């Protein structure tokens, strides 16, 4: 007699492709979303649809602009960003910084108590990402030269309309390059950030250094490394929590520099 063959138990496994969970689960999901509508903001496509719908409610004529800005604001900043706002450009870009911030354990565990300022958000999409991450609506605000939303205060990053030590987190998402006086912006960020607070900065690194966009030539500040950004805050940095410089395989394409710092 040969060796006895053992019987192999067959296990039923979940399919890689079939995600149909049935009507009962669908009803449970709908009930959850009805009770927790901010959870919808976790889904990029839905964030986009809601941001677009709310912008359409006010239309182009409902976009307010801040005229009395600092001379350091580069020429055509308002015109260019209004075009970008209307085309809903780069809505998902802020997530790169927000994901890093929310991976910090202190931020993750205390999001509901922390006050956040988004400088230059353009649309409400960045605000929605923060709400999805657990920050409370009353603790989140934006500041921009253009605004159509009660979430976004009209004002200038060179002279922010806030008291000293107002925010636990300040996000400068792809906005500091619109200034000819980056140090003045950095000093304002430090002023309004609480001791021990976090500052997140993102900038676009363009190897071509400019060119016309929407018909406008933007003569802004070009950064080549995160160290250049860090130097603006040098005397106030407790530690750098995240640094993203140009990958060696991306030196010839447009990419992002990102820095997240904890201040003294």
Protein backbone atom coordinates (compact mmCIF):
# COMPACT_ATOMS: atom_id res chain seq x y z
CA UNK A 1 0.00 0.00 0.00
CA UNK A 2 1.18 3.50 -0.79
CA UNK A 3 1.20 6.45 1.60
CA UNK A 4 -2.22 7.58 2.74
CA UNK A 5 -3.27 10.90 1.19
CA UNK A 6 -4.50 13.47 3.69
CA UNK A 7 -7.63 15.37 2.86
CA UNK A 8 -7.00 19.08 2.27
CA UNK A 9 -9.63 21.35 3.71
CA UNK A 10 -10.89 23.94 1.25
CA UNK A 11 -11.39 27.41 2.70
CA UNK A 12 -13.78 29.92 1.26
CA UNK A 13 -11.83 33.16 0.61
CA UNK A 14 -12.91 36.70 -0.21
CA UNK A 15 -12.72 37.54 -3.88
CA UNK A 16 -10.19 40.01 -5.24
CA UNK A 17 -12.79 41.61 -7.49
CA UNK A 18 -16.28 41.11 -6.07
CA UNK A 19 -17.04 43.73 -3.41
CA UNK A 20 -20.80 43.35 -3.46
CA UNK A 21 -21.66 43.14 0.24
CA UNK A 22 -25.40 43.06 -0.21
CA UNK A 23 -28.27 45.40 0.50
CA UNK A 24 -28.03 45.06 4.27
CA UNK A 25 -24.44 46.33 4.32
CA UNK A 26 -25.35 49.07 1.85
CA UNK A 27 -28.11 50.25 4.16
CA UNK A 28 -25.71 50.20 7.12
CA UNK A 29 -23.18 52.31 5.21
CA UNK A 30 -25.86 54.82 4.19
CA UNK A 31 -27.03 55.05 7.79
CA UNK A 32 -23.49 55.67 9.01
CA UNK A 33 -22.90 58.41 6.42
CA UNK A 34 -26.20 60.05 7.30
CA UNK A 35 -25.10 60.18 10.94
CA UNK A 36 -21.46 61.07 10.13
CA UNK A 37 -21.53 63.14 6.91
CA UNK A 38 -17.96 64.42 7.33
CA UNK A 39 -16.75 60.87 6.64
CA UNK A 40 -17.65 61.50 3.00
CA UNK A 41 -14.65 63.81 2.82
CA UNK A 42 -12.34 60.79 3.06
CA UNK A 43 -13.27 59.96 -0.54
CA UNK A 44 -11.37 62.14 -3.09
CA UNK A 45 -14.05 61.97 -5.79
CA UNK A 46 -16.75 63.08 -3.36
CA UNK A 47 -14.52 65.87 -1.97
CA UNK A 48 -14.11 67.10 -5.53
CA UNK A 49 -17.84 66.98 -6.26
CA UNK A 50 -18.76 68.85 -3.08
CA UNK A 51 -16.04 71.46 -3.56
CA UNK A 52 -17.17 72.01 -7.16
CA UNK A 53 -20.85 72.21 -6.22
CA UNK A 54 -20.24 74.75 -3.45
CA UNK A 55 -18.08 76.90 -5.73
CA UNK A 56 -20.79 76.78 -8.41
CA UNK A 57 -23.32 78.02 -5.86
CA UNK A 58 -21.51 81.36 -5.60
CA UNK A 59 -20.10 81.52 -9.15
CA UNK A 60 -17.23 83.67 -10.40
CA UNK A 61 -18.96 86.85 -9.29
CA UNK A 62 -19.03 85.57 -5.72
CA UNK A 63 -15.24 85.27 -5.42
CA UNK A 64 -13.97 88.11 -3.23
CA UNK A 65 -10.41 89.42 -3.59
CA UNK A 66 -8.09 91.22 -1.17
CA UNK A 67 -6.79 94.39 -2.79
CA UNK A 68 -4.69 95.95 -0.05
CA UNK A 69 -1.95 93.34 -0.04
CA UNK A 70 1.74 93.68 0.73
CA UNK A 71 3.97 94.84 -2.17
CA UNK A 72 5.93 91.60 -1.71
CA UNK A 73 3.06 89.63 -3.26
CA UNK A 74 4.23 88.77 -6.77
CA UNK A 75 2.51 90.29 -9.77
CA UNK A 76 -0.57 88.45 -11.12
CA UNK A 77 -0.93 86.28 -7.99
CA UNK A 78 -4.65 87.03 -7.61
CA UNK A 79 -5.49 86.75 -11.31
CA UNK A 80 -3.62 83.46 -11.71
CA UNK A 81 -5.01 81.84 -8.59
CA UNK A 82 -8.54 82.92 -9.42
CA UNK A 83 -8.16 81.05 -12.72
CA UNK A 84 -6.79 78.04 -10.86
CA UNK A 85 -9.69 78.21 -8.40
CA UNK A 86 -12.27 78.29 -11.17
CA UNK A 87 -10.67 75.27 -12.85
CA UNK A 88 -10.42 73.41 -9.51
CA UNK A 89 -6.73 72.76 -10.09
CA UNK A 90 -4.49 70.73 -7.74
CA UNK A 91 -7.26 69.83 -5.30
CA UNK A 92 -5.52 66.71 -4.02
CA UNK A 93 -2.06 68.24 -3.56
CA UNK A 94 -2.56 69.39 0.08
CA UNK A 95 -3.17 65.77 1.09
CA UNK A 96 0.58 65.16 0.78
CA UNK A 97 1.18 67.44 3.77
CA UNK A 98 -1.97 66.60 5.70
CA UNK A 99 -1.20 62.87 5.61
CA UNK A 100 2.19 63.56 7.17
CA UNK A 101 0.75 65.83 9.85
CA UNK A 102 -1.89 63.31 10.88
CA UNK A 103 0.74 60.56 11.14
CA UNK A 104 2.31 62.48 14.03
CA UNK A 105 0.98 60.66 17.07
CA UNK A 106 0.25 63.79 19.11
CA UNK A 107 -1.68 65.34 16.22
CA UNK A 108 -3.48 62.08 15.51
CA UNK A 109 -4.64 61.72 19.11
CA UNK A 110 -5.53 65.37 19.72
CA UNK A 111 -6.87 66.51 16.33
CA UNK A 112 -10.25 67.45 17.78
CA UNK A 113 -8.64 70.01 20.10
CA UNK A 114 -6.08 71.55 17.73
CA UNK A 115 -6.53 74.82 15.86
CA UNK A 116 -5.36 74.78 12.24
CA UNK A 117 -4.65 77.55 9.74
CA UNK A 118 -4.36 76.82 6.00
CA UNK A 119 -2.59 79.63 4.18
CA UNK A 120 -3.58 79.92 0.54
CA UNK A 121 -6.03 77.01 0.21
CA UNK A 122 -7.87 78.46 -2.82
CA UNK A 123 -10.79 76.04 -2.56
CA UNK A 124 -12.49 74.34 0.37
CA UNK A 125 -10.97 70.97 -0.60
CA UNK A 126 -8.03 71.42 1.81
CA UNK A 127 -10.51 72.28 4.58
CA UNK A 128 -12.53 69.15 3.81
CA UNK A 129 -9.40 66.99 4.11
CA UNK A 130 -8.77 68.37 7.58
CA UNK A 131 -12.37 67.75 8.65
CA UNK A 132 -12.07 64.16 7.42
CA UNK A 133 -8.89 63.82 9.51
CA UNK A 134 -10.77 64.66 12.70
CA UNK A 135 -10.17 68.40 13.09
CA UNK A 136 -13.32 70.22 14.19
CA UNK A 137 -14.94 72.70 11.78
CA UNK A 138 -14.81 75.48 14.37
CA UNK A 139 -11.04 74.97 14.76
CA UNK A 140 -10.12 75.12 11.05
CA UNK A 141 -9.78 78.25 8.97
CA UNK A 142 -8.07 79.37 5.81
CA UNK A 143 -6.41 82.64 4.80
CA UNK A 144 -6.17 83.72 1.19
CA UNK A 145 -6.17 86.71 -1.15
CA UNK A 146 -9.30 85.20 -2.72
CA UNK A 147 -12.30 83.68 -0.97
CA UNK A 148 -15.80 82.45 -1.65
CA UNK A 149 -16.24 80.56 1.64
CA UNK A 150 -16.85 81.37 5.29
CA UNK A 151 -14.05 78.91 6.05
CA UNK A 152 -11.49 81.15 4.30
CA UNK A 153 -10.65 84.57 5.73
CA UNK A 154 -9.67 87.25 3.25
CA UNK A 155 -6.18 88.51 4.00
CA UNK A 156 -2.45 88.53 3.33
CA UNK A 157 0.12 86.04 4.63
CA UNK A 158 2.58 88.92 5.06
CA UNK A 159 0.32 90.49 7.73
CA UNK A 160 -2.03 87.86 9.11
CA UNK A 161 -5.16 89.12 10.89
CA UNK A 162 -4.64 86.87 13.93
CA UNK A 163 -3.28 87.21 17.43
CA UNK A 164 0.08 85.81 18.48
CA UNK A 165 0.10 82.09 19.33
CA UNK A 166 -3.31 81.43 17.74
CA UNK A 167 -2.76 78.08 15.99
CA UNK A 168 -1.39 74.64 16.82
CA UNK A 169 -0.76 73.90 13.13
CA UNK A 170 -0.06 76.23 10.21
CA UNK A 171 -0.05 74.79 6.68
CA UNK A 172 1.70 76.77 3.93
CA UNK A 173 0.65 74.63 1.02
CA UNK A 174 2.30 75.75 -2.23
CA UNK A 175 1.88 79.42 -1.40
CA UNK A 176 5.12 80.89 -0.01
CA UNK A 177 6.61 81.10 -3.52
CA UNK A 178 4.07 83.84 -4.33
CA UNK A 179 6.13 86.21 -2.19
CA UNK A 180 9.28 88.22 -2.84
CA UNK A 181 9.80 88.43 0.93
CA UNK A 182 9.70 84.85 2.18
CA UNK A 183 11.30 85.82 5.48
CA UNK A 184 8.43 88.16 6.29
CA UNK A 185 5.97 85.34 5.63
CA UNK A 186 7.96 82.92 7.79
CA UNK A 187 8.10 85.46 10.64
CA UNK A 188 4.32 85.86 10.49
CA UNK A 189 3.85 82.10 10.56
CA UNK A 190 6.06 81.84 13.64
CA UNK A 191 4.15 84.68 15.29
CA UNK A 192 0.72 83.07 14.92
CA UNK A 193 1.89 79.51 15.71
CA UNK A 194 1.76 78.39 19.34
CA UNK A 195 4.99 77.30 21.07
CA UNK A 196 5.44 73.61 20.27
CA UNK A 197 3.19 73.95 17.24
CA UNK A 198 3.71 72.48 13.80
CA UNK A 199 4.42 74.19 10.49
CA UNK A 200 4.03 72.32 7.19
CA UNK A 201 5.38 73.84 3.98
CA UNK A 202 5.02 72.62 0.42
CA UNK A 203 6.44 74.26 -2.71
CA UNK A 204 6.63 73.31 -6.35
CA UNK A 205 10.10 72.79 -7.76
CA UNK A 206 10.10 73.56 -11.48
CA UNK A 207 13.36 72.88 -13.37
CA UNK A 208 12.20 75.29 -16.11
CA UNK A 209 11.76 78.06 -13.51
CA UNK A 210 8.65 79.72 -14.73
CA UNK A 211 6.94 80.27 -18.03
CA UNK A 212 3.45 81.46 -18.75
CA UNK A 213 0.52 79.92 -16.89
CA UNK A 214 -3.03 80.92 -17.84
CA UNK A 215 -1.36 83.71 -19.81
CA UNK A 216 0.50 85.07 -16.75
CA UNK A 217 4.23 85.08 -16.09
CA UNK A 218 4.76 84.45 -12.37
CA UNK A 219 8.07 85.84 -11.17
CA UNK A 220 8.04 84.15 -7.78
CA UNK A 221 10.60 82.56 -5.50
CA UNK A 222 12.11 79.29 -6.70
CA UNK A 223 13.36 76.80 -4.12
CA UNK A 224 15.81 74.01 -4.92
CA UNK A 225 15.85 72.23 -1.56
CA UNK A 226 13.98 71.96 1.72
CA UNK A 227 17.04 73.34 3.48
CA UNK A 228 16.33 76.72 1.85
CA UNK A 229 12.84 76.62 3.35
CA UNK A 230 14.11 75.48 6.75
CA UNK A 231 16.56 78.40 6.94
CA UNK A 232 13.62 80.82 6.94
CA UNK A 233 12.53 79.32 10.27
CA UNK A 234 15.99 78.31 11.59
CA UNK A 235 15.96 80.07 14.96
CA UNK A 236 12.55 78.64 15.81
CA UNK A 237 12.79 74.98 14.73
CA UNK A 238 12.78 72.37 17.48
CA UNK A 239 12.95 69.46 15.08
CA UNK A 240 12.25 68.56 11.46
CA UNK A 241 9.71 65.75 11.43
CA UNK A 242 9.51 65.24 7.66
CA UNK A 243 11.62 66.32 4.73
CA UNK A 244 11.02 65.54 1.07
CA UNK A 245 13.54 66.75 -1.47
CA UNK A 246 13.71 66.03 -5.19
CA UNK A 247 14.17 62.37 -6.03
CA UNK A 248 17.23 61.81 -8.19
CA UNK A 249 15.01 60.40 -10.94
CA UNK A 250 12.74 63.46 -10.95
CA UNK A 251 15.24 66.29 -11.35
CA UNK A 252 14.02 67.07 -14.86
CA UNK A 253 10.30 67.23 -14.07
CA UNK A 254 8.05 69.41 -11.95
CA UNK A 255 7.81 67.96 -8.45
CA UNK A 256 7.37 69.00 -4.82
CA UNK A 257 9.55 69.99 -1.89
CA UNK A 258 7.88 69.37 1.49
CA UNK A 259 8.89 70.10 5.05
CA UNK A 260 7.11 69.56 8.38
CA UNK A 261 8.65 71.19 11.46
CA UNK A 262 7.90 71.42 15.15
CA UNK A 263 8.66 74.87 16.55
CA UNK A 264 10.14 75.69 19.97
